[in-house]
Amino acid sequence: PALISASEAMKRLQNNDAKFVDASMGGVPDVTIANAVYFDIDDICDPDHPQPHMIPSAEIFAEKVSTLGISNDDDLIIFDS
């Protein structure tokens, strides 16, 4: 994992060589990046944990992110509002 600048992220977006993941909390924001997928932390969490937003099992996590079109080979750029 690495932190990149906004200009580097825009280059990656223009070259279509990374998947953009919107991790904003509280629902999909009004403005987002085209073709970004929304990572819903209320959905992708441990449903049995008493605290909210706890990481689920590896199996549940893999199943949920695969429905977003994300695979192990993808480069991701994760952002929020």
Protein backbone atom coordinates (compact mmCIF):
# COMPACT_ATOMS: atom_id res chain seq x y z
CA PRO A 1 0.00 0.00 0.00
CA ALA A 2 1.11 3.51 -0.73
CA LEU A 3 -0.28 6.98 -0.37
CA ILE A 4 -0.35 8.81 -3.71
CA SER A 5 -1.08 12.39 -4.69
CA ALA A 6 -4.31 13.52 -6.29
CA SER A 7 -2.46 14.20 -9.54
CA GLU A 8 -1.05 10.65 -9.57
CA ALA A 9 -4.56 9.29 -8.91
CA MET A 10 -5.90 11.32 -11.83
CA LYS A 11 -3.18 9.91 -14.12
CA ARG A 12 -4.17 6.40 -13.03
CA LEU A 13 -7.83 7.23 -13.71
CA GLN A 14 -7.07 8.59 -17.18
CA ASN A 15 -4.92 5.55 -18.01
CA ASN A 16 -7.58 3.21 -16.64
CA ASP A 17 -4.93 1.18 -14.82
CA ALA A 18 -6.50 1.09 -11.37
CA LYS A 19 -9.92 0.55 -9.84
CA PHE A 20 -11.28 3.39 -7.77
CA VAL A 21 -13.11 2.52 -4.57
CA ASP A 22 -15.27 5.11 -2.82
CA ALA A 23 -15.08 4.41 0.92
CA SER A 24 -17.17 7.39 2.05
CA MET A 25 -19.30 6.70 5.09
CA GLY A 26 -22.96 7.59 5.25
CA GLY A 27 -23.99 6.54 1.76
CA VAL A 28 -22.79 7.34 -1.71
CA PRO A 29 -21.86 11.05 -1.86
CA ASP A 30 -23.40 13.41 -4.41
CA VAL A 31 -20.13 13.79 -6.30
CA THR A 32 -17.89 10.83 -6.99
CA ILE A 33 -15.40 9.58 -9.56
CA ALA A 34 -16.86 8.01 -12.69
CA ASN A 35 -16.74 4.21 -12.67
CA ALA A 36 -15.76 4.09 -8.99
CA VAL A 37 -17.34 1.32 -6.95
CA TYR A 38 -18.84 2.11 -3.57
CA PHE A 39 -17.48 0.17 -0.59
CA ASP A 40 -20.44 0.08 1.79
CA ILE A 41 -18.91 -0.37 5.24
CA ASP A 42 -22.38 -1.00 6.67
CA ASP A 43 -22.66 -4.03 4.36
CA ILE A 44 -19.06 -5.24 4.29
CA CYS A 45 -18.61 -5.89 7.99
CA ASP A 46 -19.01 -8.63 10.58
CA PRO A 47 -22.79 -9.01 11.02
CA ASP A 48 -22.34 -10.86 14.32
CA HIS A 49 -20.02 -8.42 16.07
CA PRO A 50 -21.63 -6.15 18.69
CA GLN A 51 -19.59 -3.16 17.48
CA PRO A 52 -20.27 -1.60 14.06
CA HIS A 53 -17.91 -1.79 11.10
CA MET A 54 -15.75 -4.65 12.34
CA ILE A 55 -13.93 -6.62 9.65
CA PRO A 56 -15.75 -9.79 8.60
CA SER A 57 -14.21 -13.19 8.02
CA ALA A 58 -11.91 -13.53 5.02
CA GLU A 59 -14.59 -15.53 3.21
CA ILE A 60 -17.31 -12.92 3.69
CA PHE A 61 -14.92 -10.10 2.78
CA ALA A 62 -13.81 -11.88 -0.41
CA GLU A 63 -17.41 -12.57 -1.40
CA LYS A 64 -18.52 -8.98 -0.83
CA VAL A 65 -15.63 -7.29 -2.64
CA SER A 66 -15.83 -9.72 -5.54
CA THR A 67 -19.41 -8.51 -6.12
CA LEU A 68 -17.84 -5.06 -6.60
CA GLY A 69 -15.70 -6.47 -9.40
CA ILE A 70 -12.51 -6.41 -7.32
CA SER A 71 -10.02 -9.25 -7.55
CA ASN A 72 -6.64 -10.00 -5.96
CA ASP A 73 -4.84 -8.78 -9.09
CA ASP A 74 -6.39 -5.31 -9.11
CA ASP A 75 -4.60 -2.12 -8.15
CA LEU A 76 -6.98 -0.09 -6.00
CA ILE A 77 -7.19 3.59 -5.27
CA ILE A 78 -9.37 4.08 -2.24
CA PHE A 79 -10.82 7.52 -1.48
CA ASP A 80 -13.57 9.12 0.56
CA SER A 81 -15.41 12.37 0.69
